[in-house]
C-alpha atoms as a PDB file:
ATOM      1  CA  MET A   1     106.121 125.945 135.853  1.00  0.00           C
ATOM      2  CA  GLU A   2     102.240 127.082 135.482  1.00  0.00           C
ATOM      3  CA  LYS A   3      99.449 126.334 132.517  1.00  0.00           C
ATOM      4  CA  ALA A   4      97.810 129.202 130.548  1.00  0.00           C
ATOM      5  CA  ALA A   5      95.469 128.712 128.168  1.00  0.00           C
ATOM      6  CA  VAL A   6      94.443 125.215 126.194  1.00  0.00           C
ATOM      7  CA  LEU A   7      95.752 125.005 122.953  1.00  0.00           C
ATOM      8  CA  TYR A   8      94.018 122.513 121.953  1.00  0.00           C
ATOM      9  CA  THR A   9      92.183 119.472 122.941  1.00  0.00           C
ATOM     10  CA  GLY A  10      92.608 115.711 121.301  1.00  0.00           C
ATOM     11  CA  LYS A  11      91.116 112.499 121.687  1.00  0.00           C
ATOM     12  CA  ALA A  12      93.076 111.379 124.780  1.00  0.00           C
ATOM     13  CA  LYS A  13      95.113 114.768 125.738  1.00  0.00           C
ATOM     14  CA  GLN A  14      94.663 118.668 126.310  1.00  0.00           C
ATOM     15  CA  MET A  15      97.458 120.708 125.862  1.00  0.00           C
ATOM     16  CA  PHE A  16      98.281 123.957 127.122  1.00  0.00           C
ATOM     17  CA  ALA A  17     100.686 126.996 126.998  1.00  0.00           C
ATOM     18  CA  THR A  18     102.794 127.711 129.972  1.00  0.00           C
ATOM     19  CA  ASP A  19     105.295 130.594 131.144  1.00  0.00           C
ATOM     20  CA  ASP A  20     108.054 129.356 129.180  1.00  0.00           C
ATOM     21  CA  PRO A  21     106.924 129.926 125.356  1.00  0.00           C
ATOM     22  CA  ASP A  22     109.021 126.670 124.101  1.00  0.00           C
ATOM     23  CA  VAL A  23     107.623 124.404 127.082  1.00  0.00           C
ATOM     24  CA  LEU A  24     104.081 123.022 126.929  1.00  0.00           C
ATOM     25  CA  TRP A  25     101.958 121.028 129.529  1.00  0.00           C
ATOM     26  CA  VAL A  26     100.120 117.974 128.664  1.00  0.00           C
ATOM     27  CA  GLU A  27      97.438 116.054 130.349  1.00  0.00           C
ATOM     28  CA  TYR A  28      96.448 112.996 129.636  1.00  0.00           C
ATOM     29  CA  MET A  29      92.617 112.340 129.999  1.00  0.00           C
ATOM     30  CA  ASP A  30      90.410 109.908 131.179  1.00  0.00           C
ATOM     31  CA  GLN A  31      89.558 108.973 127.518  1.00  0.00           C
ATOM     32  CA  ALA A  32      89.225 106.121 125.521  1.00  0.00           C
ATOM     33  CA  THR A  33      88.130 106.523 121.787  1.00  0.00           C
ATOM     34  CA  ALA A  34      88.033 104.081 118.823  1.00  0.00           C
ATOM     35  CA  LEU A  35      86.733 104.273 115.317  1.00  0.00           C
ATOM     36  CA  ASN A  36      88.630 107.917 114.837  1.00  0.00           C
ATOM     37  CA  GLY A  37      86.249 109.239 117.905  1.00  0.00           C
ATOM     38  CA  LYS A  38      83.122 108.113 117.059  1.00  0.00           C
ATOM     39  CA  LYS A  39      83.532 105.513 120.295  1.00  0.00           C
ATOM     40  CA  LYS A  40      83.868 107.620 123.163  1.00  0.00           C
ATOM     41  CA  VAL A  41      83.827 106.227 126.882  1.00  0.00           C
ATOM     42  CA  GLN A  42      85.333 107.904 130.110  1.00  0.00           C
ATOM     43  CA  ILE A  43      87.347 105.319 131.836  1.00  0.00           C
ATOM     44  CA  ALA A  44      88.928 106.379 135.664  1.00  0.00           C
ATOM     45  CA  GLY A  45      92.622 105.930 135.895  1.00  0.00           C
ATOM     46  CA  LYS A  46      93.320 105.316 132.080  1.00  0.00           C
ATOM     47  CA  GLY A  47      94.900 108.651 131.506  1.00  0.00           C
ATOM     48  CA  ALA A  48      97.555 108.451 134.747  1.00  0.00           C
ATOM     49  CA  LEU A  49      98.188 104.999 133.171  1.00  0.00           C
ATOM     50  CA  ASN A  50      99.141 106.135 129.883  1.00  0.00           C
ATOM     51  CA  ARG A  51     100.840 108.779 131.138  1.00  0.00           C
ATOM     52  CA  GLN A  52     103.344 106.496 133.214  1.00  0.00           C
ATOM     53  CA  ILE A  53     103.788 104.663 130.503  1.00  0.00           C
ATOM     54  CA  SER A  54     104.696 107.572 127.743  1.00  0.00           C
ATOM     55  CA  SER A  55     106.941 109.108 130.210  1.00  0.00           C
ATOM     56  CA  LEU A  56     108.976 106.245 131.083  1.00  0.00           C
ATOM     57  CA  LEU A  57     109.293 105.100 127.481  1.00  0.00           C
ATOM     58  CA  PHE A  58     110.125 108.548 126.274  1.00  0.00           C
ATOM     59  CA  GLU A  59     112.999 108.983 129.000  1.00  0.00           C
ATOM     60  CA  GLU A  60     114.409 105.579 128.487  1.00  0.00           C
ATOM     61  CA  LEU A  61     114.852 107.123 124.185  1.00  0.00           C
ATOM     62  CA  ASN A  62     116.180 110.312 125.691  1.00  0.00           C
ATOM     63  CA  ALA A  63     118.405 108.555 127.833  1.00  0.00           C
ATOM     64  CA  ALA A  64     119.649 106.330 124.576  1.00  0.00           C
ATOM     65  CA  GLY A  65     120.426 109.451 122.470  1.00  0.00           C
ATOM     66  CA  LEU A  66     116.664 109.076 120.534  1.00  0.00           C
ATOM     67  CA  PRO A  67     115.439 112.744 120.395  1.00  0.00           C
ATOM     68  CA  THR A  68     111.760 113.613 122.107  1.00  0.00           C
ATOM     69  CA  HIS A  69     109.678 116.069 122.812  1.00  0.00           C
ATOM     70  CA  TYR A  70     109.791 114.784 126.639  1.00  0.00           C
ATOM     71  CA  LEU A  71     110.897 117.113 129.497  1.00  0.00           C
ATOM     72  CA  GLN A  72     109.525 115.637 132.578  1.00  0.00           C
ATOM     73  CA  THR A  73     106.882 114.662 134.870  1.00  0.00           C
ATOM     74  CA  ILE A  74     104.266 117.079 136.829  1.00  0.00           C
ATOM     75  CA  ASP A  75     101.941 114.432 138.511  1.00  0.00           C
ATOM     76  CA  ASP A  76      99.790 111.453 137.508  1.00  0.00           C
ATOM     77  CA  HIS A  77      97.974 113.099 134.209  1.00  0.00           C
ATOM     78  CA  THR A  78     100.099 115.570 133.126  1.00  0.00           C
ATOM     79  CA  MET A  79     103.794 116.158 131.358  1.00  0.00           C
ATOM     80  CA  LEU A  80     105.986 118.838 130.200  1.00  0.00           C
ATOM     81  CA  VAL A  81     107.369 118.626 126.665  1.00  0.00           C
ATOM     82  CA  LYS A  82     109.257 120.791 124.396  1.00  0.00           C
ATOM     83  CA  LYS A  83     107.038 122.994 122.003  1.00  0.00           C
ATOM     84  CA  CYS A  84     107.338 122.041 118.460  1.00  0.00           C
ATOM     85  CA  ALA A  85     105.817 122.288 115.412  1.00  0.00           C
ATOM     86  CA  MET A  86     104.064 119.072 114.327  1.00  0.00           C
ATOM     87  CA  ILE A  87     104.154 117.424 111.143  1.00  0.00           C
ATOM     88  CA  PRO A  88     100.914 116.374 109.614  1.00  0.00           C
ATOM     89  CA  LEU A  89     102.057 112.906 109.154  1.00  0.00           C
ATOM     90  CA  GLU A  90     101.017 109.571 111.163  1.00  0.00           C
ATOM     91  CA  ALA A  91     104.274 106.973 110.773  1.00  0.00           C
ATOM     92  CA  VAL A  92     102.933 103.533 111.164  1.00  0.00           C
ATOM     93  CA  ILE A  93     105.586 101.074 111.485  1.00  0.00           C
ATOM     94  CA  ARG A  94     104.265  97.648 111.324  1.00  0.00           C
ATOM     95  CA  ASN A  95     106.601  94.294 112.296  1.00  0.00           C
ATOM     96  CA  PHE A  96     103.625  92.090 112.418  1.00  0.00           C
ATOM     97  CA  ALA A  97     100.320  91.946 110.548  1.00  0.00           C
ATOM     98  CA  SER A  98      97.314  92.665 112.112  1.00  0.00           C
ATOM     99  CA  GLY A  99      94.331  95.400 111.531  1.00  0.00           C
ATOM    100  CA  SER A 100      94.035  97.369 108.102  1.00  0.00           C
ATOM    101  CA  PHE A 101      96.834  95.865 106.588  1.00  0.00           C
ATOM    102  CA  GLU A 102      95.884  92.211 107.524  1.00  0.00           C
ATOM    103  CA  ARG A 103      92.308  92.859 106.211  1.00  0.00           C
ATOM    104  CA  LYS A 104      93.926  94.715 103.367  1.00  0.00           C
ATOM    105  CA  PHE A 105      96.162  92.328 101.814  1.00  0.00           C
ATOM    106  CA  GLN A 106      94.199  88.976 103.469  1.00  0.00           C
ATOM    107  CA  VAL A 107      97.591  87.795 104.924  1.00  0.00           C
ATOM    108  CA  ALA A 108      97.838  85.155 108.121  1.00  0.00           C
ATOM    109  CA  HIS A 109      97.098  87.263 111.368  1.00  0.00           C
ATOM    110  CA  LEU A 110     100.586  88.407 113.156  1.00  0.00           C
ATOM    111  CA  ARG A 111     102.362  86.805 110.001  1.00  0.00           C
ATOM    112  CA  PRO A 112     105.998  88.698 110.558  1.00  0.00           C
ATOM    113  CA  LEU A 113     106.547  91.495 108.224  1.00  0.00           C
ATOM    114  CA  VAL A 114     110.704  91.352 107.236  1.00  0.00           C
ATOM    115  CA  PRO A 115     111.679  94.330 106.699  1.00  0.00           C
ATOM    116  CA  ALA A 116     109.326  96.305 109.300  1.00  0.00           C
ATOM    117  CA  VAL A 117     106.616  97.995 106.870  1.00  0.00           C
ATOM    118  CA  HIS A 118     106.426 101.489 107.108  1.00  0.00           C
ATOM    119  CA  GLU A 119     103.319 103.601 106.026  1.00  0.00           C
ATOM    120  CA  PHE A 120     102.322 107.273 106.585  1.00  0.00           C
ATOM    121  CA  PHE A 121      98.943 108.885 107.003  1.00  0.00           C
ATOM    122  CA  TYR A 122      97.502 112.467 106.957  1.00  0.00           C
ATOM    123  CA  LYS A 123      96.151 113.649 109.896  1.00  0.00           C
ATOM    124  CA  SER A 124      92.779 114.738 109.221  1.00  0.00           C
ATOM    125  CA  ASP A 125      90.142 113.666 111.629  1.00  0.00           C
ATOM    126  CA  ALA A 126      87.557 114.945 108.771  1.00  0.00           C
ATOM    127  CA  LEU A 127      89.256 112.968 106.406  1.00  0.00           C
ATOM    128  CA  ASP A 128      89.169 109.596 108.536  1.00  0.00           C
ATOM    129  CA  ASP A 129      93.541 110.054 108.344  1.00  0.00           C
ATOM    130  CA  PRO A 130      94.100 108.603 104.880  1.00  0.00           C
ATOM    131  CA  PHE A 131      96.915 106.853 103.847  1.00  0.00           C
ATOM    132  CA  ILE A 132      99.303 108.910 101.706  1.00  0.00           C
ATOM    133  CA  ASN A 133     102.556 107.669 100.401  1.00  0.00           C
ATOM    134  CA  ASP A 134     105.835 110.014 100.278  1.00  0.00           C
ATOM    135  CA  GLU A 135     105.054 111.911  97.099  1.00  0.00           C
ATOM    136  CA  GLN A 136     101.621 112.799  97.778  1.00  0.00           C
ATOM    137  CA  ALA A 137     103.400 113.982 101.318  1.00  0.00           C
ATOM    138  CA  ILE A 138     105.954 116.345  98.938  1.00  0.00           C
ATOM    139  CA  ALA A 139     103.160 117.527  96.385  1.00  0.00           C
ATOM    140  CA  LEU A 140     100.657 118.401  99.039  1.00  0.00           C
ATOM    141  CA  GLY A 141     103.389 120.336 101.291  1.00  0.00           C
ATOM    142  CA  PHE A 142     103.309 118.520 104.189  1.00  0.00           C
ATOM    143  CA  ALA A 143     106.966 117.144 104.341  1.00  0.00           C
ATOM    144  CA  THR A 144     109.797 117.366 102.296  1.00  0.00           C
ATOM    145  CA  ARG A 145     112.324 114.400 100.669  1.00  0.00           C
ATOM    146  CA  GLU A 146     114.594 115.238 103.648  1.00  0.00           C
ATOM    147  CA  THR A 147     112.269 115.123 106.097  1.00  0.00           C
ATOM    148  CA  LEU A 148     110.453 111.527 105.254  1.00  0.00           C
ATOM    149  CA  THR A 149     113.826 110.264 104.796  1.00  0.00           C
ATOM    150  CA  ALA A 150     114.812 111.633 108.577  1.00  0.00           C
ATOM    151  CA  ILE A 151     111.227 110.725 109.510  1.00  0.00           C
ATOM    152  CA  HIS A 152     112.445 107.011 107.996  1.00  0.00           C
ATOM    153  CA  ALA A 153     115.325 106.661 109.436  1.00  0.00           C
ATOM    154  CA  LEU A 154     114.611 107.437 113.412  1.00  0.00           C
ATOM    155  CA  SER A 155     111.502 105.375 113.339  1.00  0.00           C
ATOM    156  CA  ASP A 156     113.767 102.809 112.449  1.00  0.00           C
ATOM    157  CA  ARG A 157     115.754 103.808 115.416  1.00  0.00           C
ATOM    158  CA  VAL A 158     112.710 103.855 117.732  1.00  0.00           C
ATOM    159  CA  ASN A 159     111.568 100.716 116.559  1.00  0.00           C
ATOM    160  CA  THR A 160     114.438  98.692 116.949  1.00  0.00           C
ATOM    161  CA  TYR A 161     114.710  99.971 120.551  1.00  0.00           C
ATOM    162  CA  LEU A 162     111.174  99.181 121.351  1.00  0.00           C
ATOM    163  CA  LEU A 163     111.211  95.995 120.114  1.00  0.00           C
ATOM    164  CA  GLU A 164     113.741  94.749 122.190  1.00  0.00           C
ATOM    165  CA  ARG A 165     112.272  96.377 124.942  1.00  0.00           C
ATOM    166  CA  PHE A 166     109.226  94.793 125.003  1.00  0.00           C
ATOM    167  CA  ALA A 167     110.573  91.790 123.736  1.00  0.00           C
ATOM    168  CA  GLN A 168     112.357  91.244 127.279  1.00  0.00           C
ATOM    169  CA  ILE A 169     109.256  91.596 129.241  1.00  0.00           C
ATOM    170  CA  GLY A 170     107.661  88.614 126.862  1.00  0.00           C
ATOM    171  CA  ILE A 171     105.771  91.037 124.720  1.00  0.00           C
ATOM    172  CA  ASP A 172     105.404  91.587 120.979  1.00  0.00           C
ATOM    173  CA  LEU A 173     105.527  94.888 119.487  1.00  0.00           C
ATOM    174  CA  VAL A 174     102.998  94.273 117.164  1.00  0.00           C
ATOM    175  CA  ASP A 175     102.770  98.495 114.917  1.00  0.00           C
ATOM    176  CA  PHE A 176     102.833 101.074 116.433  1.00  0.00           C
ATOM    177  CA  LYS A 177     101.901 105.203 115.600  1.00  0.00           C
ATOM    178  CA  LEU A 178     104.449 107.486 115.892  1.00  0.00           C
ATOM    179  CA  GLU A 179     104.214 111.341 115.122  1.00  0.00           C
ATOM    180  CA  PHE A 180     107.457 114.147 114.637  1.00  0.00           C
ATOM    181  CA  GLY A 181     107.674 117.701 115.336  1.00  0.00           C
ATOM    182  CA  ARG A 182     110.798 120.039 114.525  1.00  0.00           C
ATOM    183  CA  LEU A 183     112.120 121.824 117.379  1.00  0.00           C
ATOM    184  CA  ALA A 184     112.608 125.781 117.243  1.00  0.00           C
ATOM    185  CA  ASP A 185     116.094 125.135 115.936  1.00  0.00           C
ATOM    186  CA  GLY A 186     114.567 122.652 113.154  1.00  0.00           C
ATOM    187  CA  THR A 187     115.600 119.754 115.315  1.00  0.00           C
ATOM    188  CA  LEU A 188     113.533 116.456 114.617  1.00  0.00           C
ATOM    189  CA  VAL A 189     112.126 114.963 117.166  1.00  0.00           C
ATOM    190  CA  LEU A 190     109.312 111.873 118.450  1.00  0.00           C
ATOM    191  CA  ALA A 191     106.592 113.339 119.935  1.00  0.00           C
ATOM    192  CA  ASP A 192     102.956 113.148 121.021  1.00  0.00           C
ATOM    193  CA  GLU A 193     102.350 110.207 123.475  1.00  0.00           C
ATOM    194  CA  LEU A 194     104.298 106.417 123.560  1.00  0.00           C
ATOM    195  CA  SER A 195     101.220 103.868 125.398  1.00  0.00           C
ATOM    196  CA  PRO A 196      98.932 101.211 124.087  1.00  0.00           C
ATOM    197  CA  ASP A 197      96.742 103.535 123.126  1.00  0.00           C
ATOM    198  CA  ASN A 198      99.071 104.458 119.965  1.00  0.00           C
ATOM    199  CA  MET A 199     100.833 100.804 119.653  1.00  0.00           C
ATOM    200  CA  ARG A 200      99.338  97.089 119.474  1.00  0.00           C
ATOM    201  CA  LEU A 201     101.232  94.702 121.671  1.00  0.00           C
ATOM    202  CA  VAL A 202     100.545  90.866 122.159  1.00  0.00           C
ATOM    203  CA  ASP A 203     101.366  89.003 125.097  1.00  0.00           C
ATOM    204  CA  GLN A 204     103.615  86.976 123.578  1.00  0.00           C
ATOM    205  CA  GLU A 205     102.816  83.523 125.811  1.00  0.00           C
ATOM    206  CA  SER A 206      98.795  83.796 126.218  1.00  0.00           C
ATOM    207  CA  GLY A 207      98.570  85.326 122.597  1.00  0.00           C
ATOM    208  CA  ASN A 208      96.587  88.199 124.421  1.00  0.00           C
ATOM    209  CA  SER A 209      96.212  91.867 123.438  1.00  0.00           C
ATOM    210  CA  LEU A 210      97.723  93.771 125.611  1.00  0.00           C
ATOM    211  CA  ASP A 211      96.416  97.254 123.815  1.00  0.00           C
ATOM    212  CA  LYS A 212      93.339  99.567 122.418  1.00  0.00           C
ATOM    213  CA  ASP A 213      91.971  96.500 120.581  1.00  0.00           C
ATOM    214  CA  VAL A 214      90.523  95.118 123.887  1.00  0.00           C
ATOM    215  CA  PHE A 215      88.371  98.552 123.982  1.00  0.00           C
ATOM    216  CA  ARG A 216      88.239  98.606 120.849  1.00  0.00           C
ATOM    217  CA  GLN A 217      86.386  94.726 120.336  1.00  0.00           C
ATOM    218  CA  ASP A 218      84.318  95.004 123.337  1.00  0.00           C
ATOM    219  CA  ARG A 219      86.801  92.228 125.445  1.00  0.00           C
ATOM    220  CA  GLY A 220      87.164  93.599 128.302  1.00  0.00           C
ATOM    221  CA  PRO A 221      87.746  96.296 131.105  1.00  0.00           C
ATOM    222  CA  LEU A 222      90.781  98.555 129.288  1.00  0.00           C
ATOM    223  CA  THR A 223      93.159  99.520 132.452  1.00  0.00           C
ATOM    224  CA  PRO A 224      94.001  96.210 134.212  1.00  0.00           C
ATOM    225  CA  VAL A 225      95.355  95.553 130.487  1.00  0.00           C
ATOM    226  CA  TYR A 226      97.263  98.794 130.620  1.00  0.00           C
ATOM    227  CA  ALA A 227      98.348  98.223 134.276  1.00  0.00           C
ATOM    228  CA  GLN A 228     100.004  95.137 133.197  1.00  0.00           C
ATOM    229  CA  VAL A 229     102.206  96.455 130.837  1.00  0.00           C
ATOM    230  CA  LEU A 230     103.277  99.040 133.530  1.00  0.00           C
ATOM    231  CA  SER A 231     103.866  96.660 135.824  1.00  0.00           C
ATOM    232  CA  ARG A 232     106.323  94.808 133.418  1.00  0.00           C
ATOM    233  CA  LEU A 233     108.319  97.764 132.049  1.00  0.00           C
ATOM    234  CA  GLN A 234     108.725  99.550 135.899  1.00  0.00           C
ATOM    235  CA  ALA A 235     109.931  96.184 136.926  1.00  0.00           C
ATOM    236  CA  ASP A 236     112.092  95.113 133.851  1.00  0.00           C
ATOM    237  CA  ALA A 237     113.624  98.638 134.443  1.00  0.00           C
ATOM    238  CA  ALA A 238     114.337  98.471 138.126  1.00  0.00           C
ATOM    239  CA  ALA A 239     115.537  95.059 137.700  1.00  0.00           C
ATOM    240  CA  SER A 240     118.189  96.645 135.179  1.00  0.00           C
ATOM    241  CA  ARG A 241     119.463  99.492 137.437  1.00  0.00           C
END
């Protein structure tokens, strides 16, 4: 499989066409961003860690029967994915209070949220990814009610899997962001990535952050934190074989 023209350059990934019109080539970059791209730093090794964590989790979700765009890994920074029409919404699932939710409602940090809270944000850098509710998304033509219902259902399934998966390695999945798209045949799939870049992860024993909050809040180097998450996931996966 050969990569062709650049289709998209984001904050942490580049996407390329390939010689197969239904397959895209995704390269994870050694770049960390925060504040919607306003804070940007090159961090050697970050891209490879994010790719490895994403590949591992996508493979597990595929094996569990949850549809994703992931196909295979090419090298340290690269994976192949199915081409899909992306839905311009970020679906955020919150299991514990943190970040903007904690500030908005003035609730205790890491207060458990039952049921898990679902939120949508319109994916627009120019508008700083504003919050959007179901009716707004439908009225603006971003998704149908049926699509939003399907996203909620698939998000819940992914959350159930990942909550247990991280709990097995002593980590609380505080909240995370998902993106979705439709394949050429209309199948809804989980897309984008699954890494500490789009998750809040907290060590159950120490209470330390194991995600991009370390970078956002200048708490120290980022790659050792991501490497710890990957190491725990890999060790647990190996022990389960």
